């Protein structure tokens, strides 16, 4: 809980929040619901359940190499929704999020 508060405090004290929504981070078969937030410099994901090991993430927007649509998958295999985005960083790290209005997120993060 304290780490989540630290990210939220960081967002509110250092930068203005541009967009925030409930999202699901997915990595293979693992999933975690939480809050995805964007500021001028950061993309942050704060999971509701910290024990799953998916987050919190604090990504620098300047480190984003590519943002694209992807499939949200059931069991890590079966495509169940097209409402998902994949953020690829310059170092090759990938982060996938299932969320509402993925095109809005693509437009926002592709700048």
PDB file of N, CA and C in Angstrom:
ATOM      1  N   UNK A   1       0.820  -1.184   0.000  1.00  0.00           N
ATOM      2  CA  UNK A   1       0.000   0.000   0.000  1.00  0.00           C
ATOM      3  C   UNK A   1       0.869   1.254   0.000  1.00  0.00           C
ATOM      4  N   UNK A   2       1.952   1.237   0.750  1.00  0.00           N
ATOM      5  CA  UNK A   2       2.797   2.411   0.846  1.00  0.00           C
ATOM      6  C   UNK A   2       3.475   2.712  -0.493  1.00  0.00           C
ATOM      7  N   UNK A   3       3.898   1.679  -1.217  1.00  0.00           N
ATOM      8  CA  UNK A   3       4.534   1.895  -2.516  1.00  0.00           C
ATOM      9  C   UNK A   3       3.539   2.517  -3.490  1.00  0.00           C
ATOM     10  N   UNK A   4       2.280   2.047  -3.468  1.00  0.00           N
ATOM     11  CA  UNK A   4       1.231   2.604  -4.298  1.00  0.00           C
ATOM     12  C   UNK A   4       1.013   4.071  -3.948  1.00  0.00           C
ATOM     13  N   UNK A   5       0.986   4.392  -2.662  1.00  0.00           N
ATOM     14  CA  UNK A   5       0.822   5.778  -2.240  1.00  0.00           C
ATOM     15  C   UNK A   5       1.988   6.616  -2.724  1.00  0.00           C
ATOM     16  N   UNK A   6       3.194   6.079  -2.686  1.00  0.00           N
ATOM     17  CA  UNK A   6       4.368   6.821  -3.123  1.00  0.00           C
ATOM     18  C   UNK A   6       4.260   7.179  -4.595  1.00  0.00           C
ATOM     19  N   UNK A   7       3.831   6.259  -5.434  1.00  0.00           N
ATOM     20  CA  UNK A   7       3.659   6.547  -6.858  1.00  0.00           C
ATOM     21  C   UNK A   7       2.584   7.604  -7.047  1.00  0.00           C
ATOM     22  N   UNK A   8       1.457   7.457  -6.367  1.00  0.00           N
ATOM     23  CA  UNK A   8       0.379   8.432  -6.503  1.00  0.00           C
ATOM     24  C   UNK A   8       0.808   9.811  -5.996  1.00  0.00           C
ATOM     25  N   UNK A   9       1.537   9.866  -4.883  1.00  0.00           N
ATOM     26  CA  UNK A   9       2.035  11.138  -4.380  1.00  0.00           C
ATOM     27  C   UNK A   9       3.010  11.748  -5.366  1.00  0.00           C
ATOM     28  N   UNK A  10       3.861  10.919  -5.963  1.00  0.00           N
ATOM     29  CA  UNK A  10       4.818  11.385  -6.958  1.00  0.00           C
ATOM     30  C   UNK A  10       4.087  12.019  -8.138  1.00  0.00           C
ATOM     31  N   UNK A  11       3.018  11.394  -8.559  1.00  0.00           N
ATOM     32  CA  UNK A  11       2.259  11.930  -9.681  1.00  0.00           C
ATOM     33  C   UNK A  11       1.629  13.272  -9.333  1.00  0.00           C
ATOM     34  N   UNK A  12       1.092  13.387  -8.138  1.00  0.00           N
ATOM     35  CA  UNK A  12       0.375  14.605  -7.791  1.00  0.00           C
ATOM     36  C   UNK A  12       1.299  15.745  -7.390  1.00  0.00           C
ATOM     37  N   UNK A  13       2.456  15.449  -6.818  1.00  0.00           N
ATOM     38  CA  UNK A  13       3.329  16.527  -6.377  1.00  0.00           C
ATOM     39  C   UNK A  13       4.286  16.984  -7.458  1.00  0.00           C
ATOM     40  N   UNK A  14       4.702  16.115  -8.366  1.00  0.00           N
ATOM     41  CA  UNK A  14       5.702  16.473  -9.354  1.00  0.00           C
ATOM     42  C   UNK A  14       5.104  16.865 -10.699  1.00  0.00           C
ATOM     43  N   UNK A  15       4.053  16.234 -11.124  1.00  0.00           N
ATOM     44  CA  UNK A  15       3.522  16.434 -12.459  1.00  0.00           C
ATOM     45  C   UNK A  15       2.002  16.381 -12.452  1.00  0.00           C
ATOM     46  N   UNK A  16       1.426  16.963 -13.480  1.00  0.00           N
ATOM     47  CA  UNK A  16      -0.019  16.905 -13.638  1.00  0.00           C
ATOM     48  C   UNK A  16      -0.416  15.604 -14.309  1.00  0.00           C
ATOM     49  N   UNK A  17      -1.454  15.012 -13.802  1.00  0.00           N
ATOM     50  CA  UNK A  17      -1.990  13.775 -14.357  1.00  0.00           C
ATOM     51  C   UNK A  17      -2.691  14.086 -15.673  1.00  0.00           C
ATOM     52  N   UNK A  18      -2.346  13.358 -16.733  1.00  0.00           N
ATOM     53  CA  UNK A  18      -2.963  13.551 -18.044  1.00  0.00           C
ATOM     54  C   UNK A  18      -4.139  12.599 -18.219  1.00  0.00           C
ATOM     55  N   UNK A  19      -3.941  11.337 -17.862  1.00  0.00           N
ATOM     56  CA  UNK A  19      -4.981  10.322 -18.047  1.00  0.00           C
ATOM     57  C   UNK A  19      -4.765   9.214 -17.029  1.00  0.00           C
ATOM     58  N   UNK A  20      -5.862   8.641 -16.573  1.00  0.00           N
ATOM     59  CA  UNK A  20      -5.797   7.540 -15.623  1.00  0.00           C
ATOM     60  C   UNK A  20      -7.016   6.642 -15.839  1.00  0.00           C
ATOM     61  N   UNK A  21      -6.819   5.331 -15.695  1.00  0.00           N
ATOM     62  CA  UNK A  21      -7.923   4.389 -15.868  1.00  0.00           C
ATOM     63  C   UNK A  21      -7.593   3.077 -15.180  1.00  0.00           C
ATOM     64  N   UNK A  22      -8.632   2.317 -14.917  1.00  0.00           N
ATOM     65  CA  UNK A  22      -8.452   0.958 -14.406  1.00  0.00           C
ATOM     66  C   UNK A  22      -7.950   0.105 -15.564  1.00  0.00           C
ATOM     67  N   UNK A  23      -6.941  -0.699 -15.311  1.00  0.00           N
ATOM     68  CA  UNK A  23      -6.355  -1.548 -16.352  1.00  0.00           C
ATOM     69  C   UNK A  23      -5.938  -2.876 -15.739  1.00  0.00           C
ATOM     70  N   UNK A  24      -5.674  -3.841 -16.595  1.00  0.00           N
ATOM     71  CA  UNK A  24      -5.157  -5.131 -16.178  1.00  0.00           C
ATOM     72  C   UNK A  24      -3.812  -5.342 -16.845  1.00  0.00           C
ATOM     73  N   UNK A  25      -2.769  -5.500 -16.035  1.00  0.00           N
ATOM     74  CA  UNK A  25      -1.447  -5.833 -16.581  1.00  0.00           C
ATOM     75  C   UNK A  25      -1.437  -7.332 -16.822  1.00  0.00           C
ATOM     76  N   UNK A  26      -0.847  -7.750 -17.939  1.00  0.00           N
ATOM     77  CA  UNK A  26      -0.744  -9.186 -18.197  1.00  0.00           C
ATOM     78  C   UNK A  26       0.670  -9.521 -18.624  1.00  0.00           C
ATOM     79  N   UNK A  27       1.141 -10.644 -18.103  1.00  0.00           N
ATOM     80  CA  UNK A  27       2.455 -11.162 -18.456  1.00  0.00           C
ATOM     81  C   UNK A  27       2.312 -12.675 -18.522  1.00  0.00           C
ATOM     82  N   UNK A  28       2.141 -13.195 -19.751  1.00  0.00           N
ATOM     83  CA  UNK A  28       1.868 -14.625 -19.893  1.00  0.00           C
ATOM     84  C   UNK A  28       0.516 -14.950 -19.290  1.00  0.00           C
ATOM     85  N   UNK A  29       0.491 -15.914 -18.365  1.00  0.00           N
ATOM     86  CA  UNK A  29      -0.773 -16.286 -17.723  1.00  0.00           C
ATOM     87  C   UNK A  29      -1.089 -15.399 -16.523  1.00  0.00           C
ATOM     88  N   UNK A  30      -0.129 -14.633 -16.055  1.00  0.00           N
ATOM     89  CA  UNK A  30      -0.340 -13.778 -14.881  1.00  0.00           C
ATOM     90  C   UNK A  30      -1.052 -12.489 -15.276  1.00  0.00           C
ATOM     91  N   UNK A  31      -1.976 -12.082 -14.409  1.00  0.00           N
ATOM     92  CA  UNK A  31      -2.719 -10.836 -14.608  1.00  0.00           C
ATOM     93  C   UNK A  31      -2.870 -10.130 -13.273  1.00  0.00           C
ATOM     94  N   UNK A  32      -2.908  -8.796 -13.323  1.00  0.00           N
ATOM     95  CA  UNK A  32      -3.149  -8.009 -12.119  1.00  0.00           C
ATOM     96  C   UNK A  32      -3.956  -6.771 -12.482  1.00  0.00           C
ATOM     97  N   UNK A  33      -5.053  -6.564 -11.787  1.00  0.00           N
ATOM     98  CA  UNK A  33      -5.847  -5.353 -11.974  1.00  0.00           C
ATOM     99  C   UNK A  33      -5.210  -4.217 -11.190  1.00  0.00           C
ATOM    100  N   UNK A  34      -5.355  -3.000 -11.716  1.00  0.00           N
ATOM    101  CA  UNK A  34      -4.801  -1.848 -11.024  1.00  0.00           C
ATOM    102  C   UNK A  34      -5.127  -0.563 -11.742  1.00  0.00           C
ATOM    103  N   UNK A  35      -4.366   0.470 -11.433  1.00  0.00           N
ATOM    104  CA  UNK A  35      -4.567   1.801 -11.992  1.00  0.00           C
ATOM    105  C   UNK A  35      -3.406   2.147 -12.922  1.00  0.00           C
ATOM    106  N   UNK A  36      -3.713   2.497 -14.171  1.00  0.00           N
ATOM    107  CA  UNK A  36      -2.715   2.951 -15.135  1.00  0.00           C
ATOM    108  C   UNK A  36      -2.838   4.459 -15.251  1.00  0.00           C
ATOM    109  N   UNK A  37      -1.739   5.177 -15.075  1.00  0.00           N
ATOM    110  CA  UNK A  37      -1.746   6.635 -15.086  1.00  0.00           C
ATOM    111  C   UNK A  37      -0.637   7.156 -15.977  1.00  0.00           C
ATOM    112  N   UNK A  38      -0.893   8.311 -16.597  1.00  0.00           N
ATOM    113  CA  UNK A  38       0.084   8.931 -17.485  1.00  0.00           C
ATOM    114  C   UNK A  38       0.237  10.402 -17.120  1.00  0.00           C
ATOM    115  N   UNK A  39       1.499  10.844 -17.063  1.00  0.00           N
ATOM    116  CA  UNK A  39       1.830  12.257 -16.914  1.00  0.00           C
ATOM    117  C   UNK A  39       2.685  12.648 -18.123  1.00  0.00           C
ATOM    118  N   UNK A  40       3.206  13.840 -18.141  1.00  0.00           N
ATOM    119  CA  UNK A  40       4.069  14.275 -19.239  1.00  0.00           C
ATOM    120  C   UNK A  40       5.303  13.389 -19.366  1.00  0.00           C
ATOM    121  N   UNK A  41       5.835  12.890 -18.238  1.00  0.00           N
ATOM    122  CA  UNK A  41       7.087  12.141 -18.262  1.00  0.00           C
ATOM    123  C   UNK A  41       6.972  10.671 -17.905  1.00  0.00           C
ATOM    124  N   UNK A  42       5.869  10.244 -17.280  1.00  0.00           N
ATOM    125  CA  UNK A  42       5.778   8.885 -16.745  1.00  0.00           C
ATOM    126  C   UNK A  42       4.529   8.142 -17.191  1.00  0.00           C
ATOM    127  N   UNK A  43       4.648   6.811 -17.260  1.00  0.00           N
ATOM    128  CA  UNK A  43       3.524   5.897 -17.343  1.00  0.00           C
ATOM    129  C   UNK A  43       3.648   5.016 -16.110  1.00  0.00           C
ATOM    130  N   UNK A  44       2.633   5.029 -15.258  1.00  0.00           N
ATOM    131  CA  UNK A  44       2.691   4.278 -13.997  1.00  0.00           C
ATOM    132  C   UNK A  44       1.546   3.272 -13.917  1.00  0.00           C
ATOM    133  N   UNK A  45       1.853   2.097 -13.407  1.00  0.00           N
ATOM    134  CA  UNK A  45       0.831   1.094 -13.128  1.00  0.00           C
ATOM    135  C   UNK A  45       0.960   0.699 -11.668  1.00  0.00           C
ATOM    136  N   UNK A  46      -0.134   0.865 -10.924  1.00  0.00           N
ATOM    137  CA  UNK A  46      -0.172   0.495  -9.512  1.00  0.00           C
ATOM    138  C   UNK A  46      -1.185  -0.627  -9.334  1.00  0.00           C
ATOM    139  N   UNK A  47      -0.722  -1.862  -9.085  1.00  0.00           N
ATOM    140  CA  UNK A  47      -1.657  -2.984  -8.936  1.00  0.00           C
ATOM    141  C   UNK A  47      -2.415  -2.900  -7.608  1.00  0.00           C
ATOM    142  N   UNK A  48      -3.641  -3.386  -7.626  1.00  0.00           N
ATOM    143  CA  UNK A  48      -4.426  -3.437  -6.391  1.00  0.00           C
ATOM    144  C   UNK A  48      -3.876  -4.516  -5.466  1.00  0.00           C
ATOM    145  N   UNK A  49      -3.423  -5.627  -6.039  1.00  0.00           N
ATOM    146  CA  UNK A  49      -2.882  -6.731  -5.260  1.00  0.00           C
ATOM    147  C   UNK A  49      -1.370  -6.791  -5.488  1.00  0.00           C
ATOM    148  N   UNK A  50      -0.603  -6.463  -4.486  1.00  0.00           N
ATOM    149  CA  UNK A  50       0.857  -6.390  -4.626  1.00  0.00           C
ATOM    150  C   UNK A  50       1.537  -7.761  -4.622  1.00  0.00           C
ATOM    151  N   UNK A  51       0.839  -8.813  -4.201  1.00  0.00           N
ATOM    152  CA  UNK A  51       1.470 -10.123  -4.054  1.00  0.00           C
ATOM    153  C   UNK A  51       1.638 -10.867  -5.373  1.00  0.00           C
ATOM    154  N   UNK A  52       1.004 -10.384  -6.459  1.00  0.00           N
ATOM    155  CA  UNK A  52       1.080 -11.086  -7.739  1.00  0.00           C
ATOM    156  C   UNK A  52       2.390 -10.830  -8.480  1.00  0.00           C
ATOM    157  N   UNK A  53       3.108  -9.791  -8.102  1.00  0.00           N
ATOM    158  CA  UNK A  53       4.398  -9.508  -8.730  1.00  0.00           C
ATOM    159  C   UNK A  53       4.317  -8.743 -10.042  1.00  0.00           C
ATOM    160  N   UNK A  54       3.143  -8.295 -10.434  1.00  0.00           N
ATOM    161  CA  UNK A  54       3.002  -7.478 -11.643  1.00  0.00           C
ATOM    162  C   UNK A  54       2.856  -6.009 -11.232  1.00  0.00           C
ATOM    163  N   UNK A  55       3.956  -5.343 -11.093  1.00  0.00           N
ATOM    164  CA  UNK A  55       3.946  -3.940 -10.693  1.00  0.00           C
ATOM    165  C   UNK A  55       4.240  -3.784  -9.231  1.00  0.00           C
ATOM    166  N   UNK A  56       4.357  -2.562  -8.796  1.00  0.00           N
ATOM    167  CA  UNK A  56       4.091  -1.358  -9.575  1.00  0.00           C
ATOM    168  C   UNK A  56       5.186  -1.094 -10.602  1.00  0.00           C
ATOM    169  N   UNK A  57       4.770  -0.455 -11.715  1.00  0.00           N
ATOM    170  CA  UNK A  57       5.689  -0.075 -12.775  1.00  0.00           C
ATOM    171  C   UNK A  57       5.709   1.440 -12.876  1.00  0.00           C
ATOM    172  N   UNK A  58       6.868   1.997 -13.099  1.00  0.00           N
ATOM    173  CA  UNK A  58       7.008   3.418 -13.348  1.00  0.00           C
ATOM    174  C   UNK A  58       7.945   3.551 -14.558  1.00  0.00           C
ATOM    175  N   UNK A  59       7.349   3.781 -15.730  1.00  0.00           N
ATOM    176  CA  UNK A  59       8.091   3.825 -16.991  1.00  0.00           C
ATOM    177  C   UNK A  59       8.287   5.271 -17.427  1.00  0.00           C
ATOM    178  N   UNK A  60       9.478   5.599 -17.843  1.00  0.00           N
ATOM    179  CA  UNK A  60       9.753   6.924 -18.384  1.00  0.00           C
ATOM    180  C   UNK A  60       9.211   6.977 -19.815  1.00  0.00           C
ATOM    181  N   UNK A  61       8.426   7.984 -20.129  1.00  0.00           N
ATOM    182  CA  UNK A  61       7.875   8.077 -21.491  1.00  0.00           C
ATOM    183  C   UNK A  61       8.978   8.225 -22.532  1.00  0.00           C
ATOM    184  N   UNK A  62      10.093   8.850 -22.172  1.00  0.00           N
ATOM    185  CA  UNK A  62      11.201   9.024 -23.124  1.00  0.00           C
ATOM    186  C   UNK A  62      11.851   7.688 -23.482  1.00  0.00           C
ATOM    187  N   UNK A  63      11.622   6.652 -22.664  1.00  0.00           N
ATOM    188  CA  UNK A  63      12.190   5.329 -22.913  1.00  0.00           C
ATOM    189  C   UNK A  63      11.287   4.437 -23.757  1.00  0.00           C
ATOM    190  N   UNK A  64      10.100   4.931 -24.128  1.00  0.00           N
ATOM    191  CA  UNK A  64       9.166   4.132 -24.923  1.00  0.00           C
ATOM    192  C   UNK A  64       9.609   4.132 -26.383  1.00  0.00           C
ATOM    193  N   UNK A  65       9.844   2.940 -26.914  1.00  0.00           N
ATOM    194  CA  UNK A  65      10.240   2.788 -28.315  1.00  0.00           C
ATOM    195  C   UNK A  65       9.014   2.633 -29.213  1.00  0.00           C
ATOM    196  N   UNK A  66       7.974   1.928 -28.697  1.00  0.00           N
ATOM    197  CA  UNK A  66       6.806   1.620 -29.526  1.00  0.00           C
ATOM    198  C   UNK A  66       5.605   1.332 -28.644  1.00  0.00           C
ATOM    199  N   UNK A  67       4.422   1.750 -29.111  1.00  0.00           N
ATOM    200  CA  UNK A  67       3.155   1.409 -28.463  1.00  0.00           C
ATOM    201  C   UNK A  67       2.244   0.876 -29.557  1.00  0.00           C
ATOM    202  N   UNK A  68       1.674  -0.295 -29.318  1.00  0.00           N
ATOM    203  CA  UNK A  68       0.838  -0.913 -30.346  1.00  0.00           C
ATOM    204  C   UNK A  68      -0.324  -1.681 -29.732  1.00  0.00           C
ATOM    205  N   UNK A  69      -1.308  -1.967 -30.571  1.00  0.00           N
ATOM    206  CA  UNK A  69      -2.430  -2.797 -30.141  1.00  0.00           C
ATOM    207  C   UNK A  69      -1.945  -4.223 -29.959  1.00  0.00           C
ATOM    208  N   UNK A  70      -2.582  -4.933 -29.051  1.00  0.00           N
ATOM    209  CA  UNK A  70      -2.304  -6.361 -28.889  1.00  0.00           C
ATOM    210  C   UNK A  70      -3.568  -7.037 -28.374  1.00  0.00           C
ATOM    211  N   UNK A  71      -3.504  -8.317 -28.200  1.00  0.00           N
ATOM    212  CA  UNK A  71      -4.635  -9.107 -27.705  1.00  0.00           C
ATOM    213  C   UNK A  71      -4.484  -9.354 -26.214  1.00  0.00           C
ATOM    214  N   UNK A  72      -5.584  -9.189 -25.475  1.00  0.00           N
ATOM    215  CA  UNK A  72      -5.650  -9.661 -24.107  1.00  0.00           C
ATOM    216  C   UNK A  72      -5.942 -11.144 -24.188  1.00  0.00           C
ATOM    217  N   UNK A  73      -5.187 -11.954 -23.468  1.00  0.00           N
ATOM    218  CA  UNK A  73      -5.292 -13.409 -23.613  1.00  0.00           C
ATOM    219  C   UNK A  73      -5.749 -14.078 -22.328  1.00  0.00           C
ATOM    220  N   UNK A  74      -6.589 -15.082 -22.490  1.00  0.00           N
ATOM    221  CA  UNK A  74      -6.999 -15.933 -21.398  1.00  0.00           C
ATOM    222  C   UNK A  74      -6.008 -17.064 -21.253  1.00  0.00           C
ATOM    223  N   UNK A  75      -5.523 -17.303 -20.064  1.00  0.00           N
ATOM    224  CA  UNK A  75      -4.557 -18.375 -19.832  1.00  0.00           C
ATOM    225  C   UNK A  75      -3.228 -18.138 -20.527  1.00  0.00           C
ATOM    226  N   UNK A  76      -2.999 -16.900 -20.965  1.00  0.00           N
ATOM    227  CA  UNK A  76      -1.753 -16.570 -21.630  1.00  0.00           C
ATOM    228  C   UNK A  76      -1.672 -17.051 -23.065  1.00  0.00           C
ATOM    229  N   UNK A  77      -2.751 -17.706 -23.566  1.00  0.00           N
ATOM    230  CA  UNK A  77      -2.715 -18.294 -24.901  1.00  0.00           C
ATOM    231  C   UNK A  77      -3.884 -17.827 -25.766  1.00  0.00           C
ATOM    232  N   UNK A  78      -5.087 -17.987 -25.260  1.00  0.00           N
ATOM    233  CA  UNK A  78      -6.305 -17.770 -26.036  1.00  0.00           C
ATOM    234  C   UNK A  78      -6.677 -16.284 -26.098  1.00  0.00           C
ATOM    235  N   UNK A  79      -6.697 -15.673 -27.303  1.00  0.00           N
ATOM    236  CA  UNK A  79      -7.101 -14.266 -27.422  1.00  0.00           C
ATOM    237  C   UNK A  79      -8.555 -14.087 -26.991  1.00  0.00           C
ATOM    238  N   UNK A  80      -8.803 -13.187 -26.051  1.00  0.00           N
ATOM    239  CA  UNK A  80     -10.162 -12.974 -25.565  1.00  0.00           C
ATOM    240  C   UNK A  80     -10.651 -11.542 -25.784  1.00  0.00           C
ATOM    241  N   UNK A  81      -9.747 -10.585 -25.976  1.00  0.00           N
ATOM    242  CA  UNK A  81     -10.160  -9.216 -26.224  1.00  0.00           C
ATOM    243  C   UNK A  81      -9.088  -8.473 -27.020  1.00  0.00           C
ATOM    244  N   UNK A  82      -9.554  -7.580 -27.877  1.00  0.00           N
ATOM    245  CA  UNK A  82      -8.619  -6.741 -28.623  1.00  0.00           C
ATOM    246  C   UNK A  82      -8.389  -5.412 -27.914  1.00  0.00           C
ATOM    247  N   UNK A  83      -8.992  -5.236 -26.749  1.00  0.00           N
ATOM    248  CA  UNK A  83      -8.851  -4.002 -25.978  1.00  0.00           C
ATOM    249  C   UNK A  83      -7.587  -4.038 -25.129  1.00  0.00           C
ATOM    250  N   UNK A  84      -6.437  -4.067 -25.794  1.00  0.00           N
ATOM    251  CA  UNK A  84      -5.170  -4.143 -25.068  1.00  0.00           C
ATOM    252  C   UNK A  84      -4.089  -3.392 -25.844  1.00  0.00           C
ATOM    253  N   UNK A  85      -3.087  -2.932 -25.100  1.00  0.00           N
ATOM    254  CA  UNK A  85      -1.938  -2.277 -25.717  1.00  0.00           C
ATOM    255  C   UNK A  85      -0.653  -2.912 -25.195  1.00  0.00           C
ATOM    256  N   UNK A  86       0.381  -2.812 -26.011  1.00  0.00           N
ATOM    257  CA  UNK A  86       1.701  -3.285 -25.599  1.00  0.00           C
ATOM    258  C   UNK A  86       2.664  -2.119 -25.712  1.00  0.00           C
ATOM    259  N   UNK A  87       3.363  -1.846 -24.618  1.00  0.00           N
ATOM    260  CA  UNK A  87       4.381  -0.800 -24.585  1.00  0.00           C
ATOM    261  C   UNK A  87       5.735  -1.489 -24.620  1.00  0.00           C
ATOM    262  N   UNK A  88       6.547  -1.149 -25.615  1.00  0.00           N
ATOM    263  CA  UNK A  88       7.893  -1.692 -25.731  1.00  0.00           C
ATOM    264  C   UNK A  88       8.884  -0.563 -25.453  1.00  0.00           C
ATOM    265  N   UNK A  89       9.804  -0.816 -24.535  1.00  0.00           N
ATOM    266  CA  UNK A  89      10.815   0.177 -24.189  1.00  0.00           C
ATOM    267  C   UNK A  89      12.044   0.017 -25.079  1.00  0.00           C
ATOM    268  N   UNK A  90      12.888   1.005 -25.071  1.00  0.00           N
ATOM    269  CA  UNK A  90      14.119   0.994 -25.861  1.00  0.00           C
ATOM    270  C   UNK A  90      14.974  -0.229 -25.540  1.00  0.00           C
ATOM    271  N   UNK A  91      14.975  -0.662 -24.266  1.00  0.00           N
ATOM    272  CA  UNK A  91      15.792  -1.817 -23.864  1.00  0.00           C
ATOM    273  C   UNK A  91      15.153  -3.166 -24.229  1.00  0.00           C
ATOM    274  N   UNK A  92      13.980  -3.135 -24.884  1.00  0.00           N
ATOM    275  CA  UNK A  92      13.308  -4.366 -25.294  1.00  0.00           C
ATOM    276  C   UNK A  92      12.274  -4.880 -24.313  1.00  0.00           C
ATOM    277  N   UNK A  93      12.168  -4.298 -23.131  1.00  0.00           N
ATOM    278  CA  UNK A  93      11.149  -4.707 -22.153  1.00  0.00           C
ATOM    279  C   UNK A  93       9.763  -4.428 -22.710  1.00  0.00           C
ATOM    280  N   UNK A  94       8.843  -5.337 -22.435  1.00  0.00           N
ATOM    281  CA  UNK A  94       7.474  -5.190 -22.919  1.00  0.00           C
ATOM    282  C   UNK A  94       6.487  -5.239 -21.758  1.00  0.00           C
ATOM    283  N   UNK A  95       5.458  -4.396 -21.840  1.00  0.00           N
ATOM    284  CA  UNK A  95       4.408  -4.324 -20.836  1.00  0.00           C
ATOM    285  C   UNK A  95       3.076  -4.325 -21.566  1.00  0.00           C
ATOM    286  N   UNK A  96       2.172  -5.235 -21.164  1.00  0.00           N
ATOM    287  CA  UNK A  96       0.867  -5.334 -21.807  1.00  0.00           C
ATOM    288  C   UNK A  96      -0.222  -4.973 -20.810  1.00  0.00           C
ATOM    289  N   UNK A  97      -1.184  -4.188 -21.301  1.00  0.00           N
ATOM    290  CA  UNK A  97      -2.287  -3.740 -20.464  1.00  0.00           C
ATOM    291  C   UNK A  97      -3.604  -3.902 -21.215  1.00  0.00           C
ATOM    292  N   UNK A  98      -4.585  -4.503 -20.540  1.00  0.00           N
ATOM    293  CA  UNK A  98      -5.943  -4.601 -21.061  1.00  0.00           C
ATOM    294  C   UNK A  98      -6.700  -3.429 -20.448  1.00  0.00           C
ATOM    295  N   UNK A  99      -7.356  -2.629 -21.302  1.00  0.00           N
ATOM    296  CA  UNK A  99      -8.041  -1.437 -20.799  1.00  0.00           C
ATOM    297  C   UNK A  99      -9.115  -0.978 -21.764  1.00  0.00           C
ATOM    298  N   UNK A 100     -10.013  -0.132 -21.283  1.00  0.00           N
ATOM    299  CA  UNK A 100     -11.053   0.430 -22.138  1.00  0.00           C
ATOM    300  C   UNK A 100     -10.436   1.502 -23.032  1.00  0.00           C
ATOM    301  N   UNK A 101     -10.992   1.693 -24.189  1.00  0.00           N
ATOM    302  CA  UNK A 101     -10.566   2.728 -25.139  1.00  0.00           C
ATOM    303  C   UNK A 101      -9.076   2.653 -25.472  1.00  0.00           C
ATOM    304  N   UNK A 102      -8.596   1.504 -25.943  1.00  0.00           N
ATOM    305  CA  UNK A 102      -7.168   1.380 -26.215  1.00  0.00           C
ATOM    306  C   UNK A 102      -6.653   2.358 -27.273  1.00  0.00           C
ATOM    307  N   UNK A 103      -7.510   2.749 -28.229  1.00  0.00           N
ATOM    308  CA  UNK A 103      -7.061   3.683 -29.268  1.00  0.00           C
ATOM    309  C   UNK A 103      -6.687   5.043 -28.667  1.00  0.00           C
ATOM    310  N   UNK A 104      -7.416   5.480 -27.646  1.00  0.00           N
ATOM    311  CA  UNK A 104      -7.085   6.740 -26.970  1.00  0.00           C
ATOM    312  C   UNK A 104      -5.699   6.649 -26.321  1.00  0.00           C
ATOM    313  N   UNK A 105      -5.399   5.502 -25.716  1.00  0.00           N
ATOM    314  CA  UNK A 105      -4.097   5.296 -25.085  1.00  0.00           C
ATOM    315  C   UNK A 105      -2.990   5.238 -26.134  1.00  0.00           C
ATOM    316  N   UNK A 106      -3.262   4.584 -27.255  1.00  0.00           N
ATOM    317  CA  UNK A 106      -2.286   4.517 -28.347  1.00  0.00           C
ATOM    318  C   UNK A 106      -1.963   5.922 -28.848  1.00  0.00           C
ATOM    319  N   UNK A 107      -2.997   6.727 -29.059  1.00  0.00           N
ATOM    320  CA  UNK A 107      -2.791   8.102 -29.540  1.00  0.00           C
ATOM    321  C   UNK A 107      -1.996   8.920 -28.526  1.00  0.00           C
ATOM    322  N   UNK A 108      -2.312   8.787 -27.259  1.00  0.00           N
ATOM    323  CA  UNK A 108      -1.642   9.550 -26.208  1.00  0.00           C
ATOM    324  C   UNK A 108      -0.175   9.157 -26.074  1.00  0.00           C
ATOM    325  N   UNK A 109       0.110   7.865 -26.074  1.00  0.00           N
ATOM    326  CA  UNK A 109       1.467   7.397 -25.803  1.00  0.00           C
ATOM    327  C   UNK A 109       2.361   7.317 -27.041  1.00  0.00           C
ATOM    328  N   UNK A 110       1.792   7.499 -28.224  1.00  0.00           N
ATOM    329  CA  UNK A 110       2.587   7.417 -29.443  1.00  0.00           C
ATOM    330  C   UNK A 110       3.257   8.738 -29.818  1.00  0.00           C
ATOM    331  N   UNK A 111       3.168   9.722 -28.971  1.00  0.00           N
ATOM    332  CA  UNK A 111       3.788  11.033 -29.283  1.00  0.00           C
ATOM    333  C   UNK A 111       5.182  11.117 -28.746  1.00  0.00           C
TER     334      UNK A 111
END
